[in-house]
Protein backbone atom coordinates (compact mmCIF):
# COMPACT_ATOMS: atom_id res chain seq x y z
CA MET A 1 -40.85 -76.12 42.70
CA THR A 2 -39.86 -73.26 40.38
CA LYS A 3 -40.39 -70.76 43.21
CA LEU A 4 -37.93 -72.44 45.60
CA GLN A 5 -34.88 -70.39 46.50
CA PHE A 6 -31.79 -72.29 47.66
CA GLN A 7 -28.07 -72.59 46.98
CA ARG A 8 -26.64 -75.46 44.97
CA HIS A 9 -23.58 -76.39 47.00
CA ARG A 10 -23.39 -79.78 45.29
CA ARG A 11 -22.10 -78.15 42.10
CA LEU A 12 -18.64 -78.08 43.71
CA ARG A 13 -18.87 -81.76 44.68
CA ALA A 14 -20.01 -83.11 41.32
CA ASN A 15 -16.87 -85.09 40.42
CA ALA A 16 -13.36 -85.85 41.66
CA ALA A 17 -11.71 -83.16 39.53
CA ILE A 18 -13.93 -80.38 40.90
CA ARG A 19 -13.61 -81.67 44.46
CA SER A 20 -9.83 -81.63 44.10
CA MET A 21 -9.91 -78.12 42.66
CA VAL A 22 -11.75 -76.68 45.69
CA LYS A 23 -10.07 -78.78 48.41
CA GLU A 24 -9.11 -76.56 51.35
CA THR A 25 -6.85 -78.75 53.51
CA TYR A 26 -4.00 -81.05 52.53
CA LEU A 27 -1.92 -83.66 54.33
CA HIS A 28 1.69 -84.04 53.14
CA LYS A 29 4.55 -86.32 54.11
CA GLU A 30 6.44 -83.19 55.11
CA ASP A 31 3.88 -82.70 57.91
CA LEU A 32 4.84 -85.96 59.65
CA ILE A 33 7.10 -86.60 62.66
CA TYR A 34 7.64 -90.27 63.54
CA PRO A 35 8.18 -91.31 67.19
CA ILE A 36 10.82 -93.98 67.82
CA PHE A 37 11.59 -95.82 71.08
CA VAL A 38 15.25 -96.73 71.56
CA ILE A 39 16.37 -99.16 74.24
CA GLU A 40 19.75 -100.12 75.67
CA GLY A 41 20.91 -103.63 74.85
CA GLU A 42 21.55 -105.68 71.73
CA ASN A 43 19.43 -107.51 69.16
CA ILE A 44 16.20 -106.03 70.54
CA LYS A 45 13.12 -105.34 68.46
CA ASN A 46 10.21 -105.64 70.87
CA GLU A 47 6.70 -104.97 69.61
CA VAL A 48 4.66 -102.94 72.10
CA SER A 49 1.69 -105.14 72.99
CA SER A 50 -0.77 -102.25 73.21
CA MET A 51 0.54 -100.57 70.03
CA PRO A 52 0.65 -103.06 67.15
CA GLY A 53 3.32 -102.09 64.63
CA VAL A 54 5.31 -100.01 67.12
CA PHE A 55 8.62 -101.38 68.44
CA GLN A 56 11.41 -100.74 70.90
CA PHE A 57 14.74 -100.82 69.04
CA SER A 58 18.25 -101.41 70.30
CA LEU A 59 20.86 -99.45 68.38
CA ASP A 60 21.90 -102.39 66.22
CA LYS A 61 18.28 -102.77 65.07
CA LEU A 62 17.67 -99.05 64.67
CA GLU A 63 19.57 -98.62 61.42
CA ALA A 64 17.07 -100.58 59.30
CA GLU A 65 14.16 -98.63 60.81
CA ILE A 66 15.82 -95.29 60.07
CA ASP A 67 16.66 -96.36 56.52
CA GLU A 68 12.97 -97.13 55.97
CA VAL A 69 11.86 -93.79 57.44
CA VAL A 70 14.20 -91.92 55.11
CA ALA A 71 13.18 -94.01 52.08
CA LEU A 72 9.54 -93.14 52.78
CA GLY A 73 10.30 -89.42 52.75
CA ILE A 74 9.42 -88.74 56.37
CA PRO A 75 11.47 -85.66 57.31
CA ALA A 76 11.78 -86.02 61.10
CA VAL A 77 11.80 -88.47 64.00
CA ILE A 78 11.35 -87.84 67.72
CA LEU A 79 13.32 -90.09 70.06
CA PHE A 80 12.26 -91.60 73.39
CA GLY A 81 14.80 -93.56 75.42
CA LEU A 82 14.65 -96.64 77.66
CA PRO A 83 17.80 -96.93 79.78
CA ALA A 84 19.19 -100.14 81.25
CA GLU A 85 19.25 -98.54 84.70
CA LYS A 86 17.19 -95.85 86.39
CA ASP A 87 17.81 -93.70 89.45
CA ALA A 88 16.15 -90.94 91.44
CA VAL A 89 17.55 -88.08 89.33
CA GLY A 90 17.30 -89.65 85.87
CA THR A 91 21.04 -89.75 85.19
CA GLY A 92 20.49 -91.60 81.91
CA ALA A 93 18.63 -88.59 80.53
CA PHE A 94 21.65 -86.27 80.62
CA HIS A 95 24.56 -88.74 80.38
CA ASP A 96 26.70 -88.00 77.30
CA HIS A 97 26.44 -91.67 76.34
CA GLY A 98 22.75 -92.08 77.24
CA ILE A 99 20.57 -94.07 74.90
CA VAL A 100 18.96 -91.02 73.25
CA GLN A 101 22.34 -89.38 72.76
CA GLU A 102 23.84 -92.53 71.21
CA ALA A 103 20.81 -93.03 68.96
CA THR A 104 21.07 -89.41 67.83
CA ARG A 105 24.74 -89.86 66.88
CA LEU A 106 23.94 -93.04 64.97
CA ILE A 107 21.11 -91.43 63.02
CA LYS A 108 22.99 -88.24 62.17
CA ALA A 109 26.04 -90.22 61.01
CA ARG A 110 23.90 -92.44 58.78
CA HIS A 111 21.34 -89.89 57.54
CA PRO A 112 22.47 -86.35 58.37
CA GLU A 113 19.52 -84.88 56.45
CA LEU A 114 16.95 -86.54 58.75
CA LEU A 115 15.82 -84.17 61.48
CA VAL A 116 16.28 -85.63 64.96
CA ILE A 117 14.01 -84.25 67.68
CA ALA A 118 14.95 -85.24 71.22
CA ASP A 119 12.17 -85.61 73.76
CA THR A 120 13.49 -83.91 76.88
CA CYS A 121 11.96 -85.37 80.01
CA LEU A 122 12.94 -87.46 83.03
CA CYS A 123 10.05 -89.90 83.42
CA GLU A 124 11.66 -92.67 81.35
CA PHE A 125 14.91 -92.34 83.31
CA THR A 126 13.79 -91.93 86.93
CA ASP A 127 13.06 -94.90 89.16
CA HIS A 128 9.93 -93.11 90.43
CA GLY A 129 8.61 -92.38 86.93
CA HIS A 130 7.87 -88.68 87.41
CA CYS A 131 8.92 -85.93 85.02
CA GLY A 132 10.89 -84.02 87.64
CA LEU A 133 12.88 -84.60 90.80
CA ILE A 134 10.97 -85.56 93.91
CA GLU A 135 11.08 -85.01 97.64
CA GLY A 136 8.78 -87.42 99.44
CA ASP A 137 5.60 -87.36 97.40
CA GLN A 138 6.21 -83.85 96.04
CA ILE A 139 7.43 -83.20 92.48
CA LEU A 140 9.97 -80.40 92.72
CA ASN A 141 9.80 -77.66 90.13
CA ASP A 142 12.84 -75.40 90.32
CA SER A 143 15.48 -78.03 91.10
CA SER A 144 14.17 -80.09 88.17
CA LEU A 145 14.93 -77.24 85.76
CA ASP A 146 18.68 -77.62 86.15
CA VAL A 147 18.51 -81.31 85.27
CA LEU A 148 16.25 -80.65 82.28
CA ALA A 149 18.58 -77.95 80.96
CA ARG A 150 21.54 -80.29 81.39
CA THR A 151 19.64 -82.99 79.49
CA ALA A 152 18.85 -80.63 76.62
CA VAL A 153 22.48 -79.55 76.32
CA SER A 154 23.70 -83.16 76.22
CA GLN A 155 21.14 -83.95 73.50
CA ALA A 156 22.23 -80.94 71.45
CA LYS A 157 25.90 -81.95 71.82
CA ALA A 158 24.99 -85.37 70.46
CA GLY A 159 23.54 -83.73 67.34
CA ALA A 160 19.83 -83.29 68.04
CA ASP A 161 18.38 -80.75 65.64
CA ILE A 162 15.43 -79.80 67.87
CA ILE A 163 14.85 -80.09 71.61
CA ALA A 164 11.31 -81.07 72.64
CA PRO A 165 10.77 -80.66 76.41
CA SER A 166 7.66 -82.50 77.61
CA ASN A 167 7.92 -82.27 81.40
CA MET A 168 5.48 -79.39 82.09
CA MET A 169 7.56 -77.87 84.86
CA ASP A 170 6.99 -74.11 85.18
CA GLY A 171 9.87 -72.24 83.55
CA PHE A 172 11.17 -75.27 81.65
CA VAL A 173 11.48 -73.43 78.32
CA ALA A 174 13.34 -70.52 79.92
CA ALA A 175 15.77 -72.86 81.70
CA ILE A 176 16.44 -74.93 78.58
CA ARG A 177 16.82 -71.88 76.35
CA ALA A 178 19.33 -70.39 78.77
CA GLY A 179 21.22 -73.67 79.02
CA LEU A 180 21.40 -74.15 75.27
CA ASP A 181 22.48 -70.56 74.66
CA GLU A 182 25.20 -70.69 77.30
CA ALA A 183 26.53 -73.91 75.77
CA GLY A 184 26.72 -72.37 72.30
CA PHE A 185 23.52 -73.93 70.91
CA GLU A 186 21.58 -70.72 70.43
CA ASN A 187 20.47 -71.90 66.97
CA VAL A 188 18.88 -75.13 68.23
CA PRO A 189 15.08 -74.64 68.31
CA ILE A 190 12.77 -75.68 71.15
CA MET A 191 9.60 -77.58 70.24
CA SER A 192 7.76 -77.13 73.51
CA TYR A 193 5.03 -79.42 74.78
CA ALA A 194 3.34 -76.17 75.68
CA VAL A 195 -0.21 -77.46 76.09
CA LYS A 196 -0.06 -80.97 77.55
CA TYR A 197 -3.05 -82.42 79.33
CA ALA A 198 -3.14 -85.09 82.05
CA SER A 199 -4.81 -87.50 79.69
CA SER A 200 -6.02 -91.08 79.88
CA TYR A 201 -4.94 -91.47 76.25
CA TYR A 202 -1.29 -91.93 77.29
CA GLY A 203 -1.68 -95.48 78.60
CA PRO A 204 -0.04 -97.39 75.72
CA PHE A 205 2.90 -94.95 75.64
CA ARG A 206 3.71 -95.90 79.21
CA ASP A 207 3.99 -99.52 78.04
CA ALA A 208 6.28 -98.45 75.19
CA ALA A 209 8.50 -96.13 77.24
CA ASP A 210 8.28 -97.90 80.62
CA GLY A 211 7.57 -94.54 82.19
CA ALA A 212 4.51 -94.93 84.40
CA PRO A 213 4.74 -93.04 87.71
CA GLN A 214 5.41 -95.31 90.68
CA PHE A 215 3.17 -93.25 92.94
CA GLY A 216 0.41 -90.70 92.47
CA ASP A 217 -0.22 -89.19 89.06
CA ARG A 218 0.88 -86.21 86.96
CA LYS A 219 -2.09 -83.96 87.58
CA SER A 220 -0.07 -81.48 89.62
CA TYR A 221 1.97 -80.52 86.54
CA GLN A 222 0.01 -81.62 83.45
CA MET A 223 -3.17 -79.73 82.58
CA ASP A 224 -6.75 -80.53 83.60
CA PRO A 225 -8.70 -81.81 80.54
CA SER A 226 -11.59 -79.57 81.62
CA ASN A 227 -9.61 -76.38 81.01
CA ARG A 228 -9.46 -74.30 77.85
CA ILE A 229 -8.39 -70.81 78.93
CA GLU A 230 -5.41 -72.27 80.77
CA ALA A 231 -3.98 -73.31 77.39
CA PHE A 232 -3.53 -69.65 76.49
CA ARG A 233 -1.54 -68.99 79.66
CA GLU A 234 0.70 -71.98 79.05
CA ALA A 235 1.33 -71.08 75.41
CA GLU A 236 2.00 -67.43 76.19
CA SER A 237 4.53 -68.35 78.88
CA ASP A 238 6.45 -70.66 76.57
CA ILE A 239 6.50 -68.11 73.75
CA ALA A 240 7.83 -65.46 76.14
CA GLU A 241 10.50 -67.89 77.36
CA GLY A 242 11.76 -68.67 73.85
CA ALA A 243 9.79 -71.57 72.36
CA ASP A 244 9.97 -71.99 68.57
CA PHE A 245 7.13 -74.53 68.15
CA LEU A 246 4.06 -75.24 70.30
CA ILE A 247 2.83 -78.81 70.80
CA VAL A 248 -0.76 -79.59 71.77
CA LYS A 249 -1.07 -83.05 73.33
CA PRO A 250 -3.25 -85.10 72.92
CA ALA A 251 -4.78 -84.10 69.59
CA LEU A 252 -8.02 -85.91 68.84
CA SER A 253 -10.02 -84.84 71.92
CA TYR A 254 -8.40 -81.39 71.87
CA LEU A 255 -9.01 -80.17 68.32
CA ASP A 256 -10.70 -77.09 69.77
CA ILE A 257 -7.50 -76.29 71.67
CA ILE A 258 -5.40 -76.71 68.52
CA ARG A 259 -7.66 -74.20 66.78
CA ASP A 260 -7.52 -71.81 69.73
CA VAL A 261 -3.72 -71.90 69.77
CA LYS A 262 -3.52 -71.51 65.99
CA ASN A 263 -5.87 -68.54 66.01
CA ASN A 264 -3.98 -66.70 68.73
CA TYR A 265 -0.28 -67.36 68.09
CA THR A 266 2.02 -67.28 65.08
CA LEU A 267 4.44 -70.09 65.95
CA PRO A 268 4.15 -73.43 64.13
CA ILE A 269 1.62 -75.70 65.86
CA VAL A 270 2.34 -79.39 66.37
CA ALA A 271 -0.43 -81.90 67.11
CA TYR A 272 0.62 -85.04 68.99
CA ASN A 273 -1.55 -87.95 67.78
CA VAL A 274 -0.90 -89.93 70.95
CA SER A 275 -0.58 -93.62 71.73
CA GLY A 276 -4.16 -94.18 72.92
CA GLU A 277 -5.54 -92.60 69.76
CA TYR A 278 -3.29 -94.87 67.69
CA ALA A 279 -4.17 -97.98 69.70
CA MET A 280 -7.93 -97.44 69.34
CA VAL A 281 -7.69 -97.20 65.56
CA LYS A 282 -5.41 -100.25 65.38
CA ALA A 283 -7.70 -102.34 67.57
CA ALA A 284 -10.76 -101.45 65.54
CA ALA A 285 -8.94 -102.16 62.28
CA ILE A 286 -7.65 -105.52 63.48
CA ASN A 287 -11.23 -106.48 64.38
CA GLY A 288 -12.45 -105.40 60.96
CA TRP A 289 -14.71 -102.68 62.35
CA ILE A 290 -13.18 -99.80 60.35
CA GLU A 291 -11.13 -99.22 57.20
CA GLU A 292 -7.80 -98.25 58.75
CA LYS A 293 -6.40 -96.23 55.85
CA LYS A 294 -9.50 -94.09 55.43
CA VAL A 295 -9.95 -93.49 59.16
CA VAL A 296 -6.30 -92.58 59.75
CA LEU A 297 -6.15 -90.17 56.84
CA GLU A 298 -9.44 -88.54 57.87
CA THR A 299 -8.24 -88.23 61.47
CA LEU A 300 -4.93 -86.59 60.55
CA LEU A 301 -6.63 -84.34 58.03
CA GLY A 302 -8.91 -83.22 60.87
CA MET A 303 -5.85 -82.26 62.90
CA LYS A 304 -4.50 -80.24 59.98
CA ARG A 305 -7.90 -78.60 59.45
CA ALA A 306 -8.03 -77.69 63.14
CA GLY A 307 -4.81 -75.73 62.67
CA SER A 308 -1.82 -77.99 63.18
CA ASP A 309 1.18 -77.42 60.91
CA LEU A 310 2.91 -80.67 61.89
CA ILE A 311 1.72 -83.98 63.36
CA ILE A 312 3.64 -86.37 65.59
CA THR A 313 2.07 -89.73 64.79
CA TYR A 314 2.80 -93.45 65.11
CA HIS A 315 0.91 -93.85 61.82
CA ALA A 316 3.61 -91.88 59.96
CA LYS A 317 5.12 -94.75 57.96
CA ASP A 318 1.73 -96.04 56.83
CA VAL A 319 0.56 -92.53 55.98
CA ALA A 320 3.68 -91.85 53.92
CA ARG A 321 2.98 -94.99 51.89
CA TRP A 322 -0.71 -94.14 51.44
CA LEU A 323 0.08 -90.60 50.30
CA GLU A 324 2.52 -91.99 47.76
CA GLU A 325 -0.24 -94.24 46.39
CA LYS A 326 -2.38 -91.19 45.71
């Protein structure tokens, strides 16, 4: 045995103090963005059946939720809206008194220090459920850009700190940047859903946001899960058009893409820990098959290790509590 030559890596794992000293990756509350679903109406707090612990809030119920988010030290929320009425052009998305705009005003009046990120898309507001305007069974690209820019401007007027367009129309960042600049919002950043795949992990979100397409699917504008190189083209386009953050969505099955984007671009990278990823963990925890706290923290740490600077996650409130316990 004395002639064996090998390295003793376990020396740096010998006890908690040493392990802490050499830890490479950290998860902080400041990394978290909490998604919130706001719905028109009164006295509504509906739990999403496929997402235990996630609710749709009417404005009169939203205040308590926002107070809790702030008390937990979560720095930012991203808003998704459910209008009372939908139409072919998604009027509720860009109406000055739309549900996202009104929720933004409420939050900024109550907690001006909390960052409000407005998801900028049409799928929750159109009666056909697609992220752009349609003609027959075709999703129109260029004519959708005007509506998306108008939506972003209305959200910025309402007080949104960051605009997060998720529609995946070609040129959407350029159109929104131009619209914001022309309206005097040149200092409002764009957190672009730059790399968004046509994923099966979005199912529970469509329950929460009532945004499932009424015909076809979104494969003609969201990315093919098989493709890696395409992510570079999408990210480069959005950077050239004026994006300030790059979102990769989903996160868990696309950690390689997060690392690719991090290695090649200098903008902050945001991982979206999507609804299906959340629902799987919740279901397993409810059945007693996993330890929820340990699995969630390990999962989000993996997203940070892969290269994300920020994480949009439905686990945010629980994670903030768990990090405080540490």
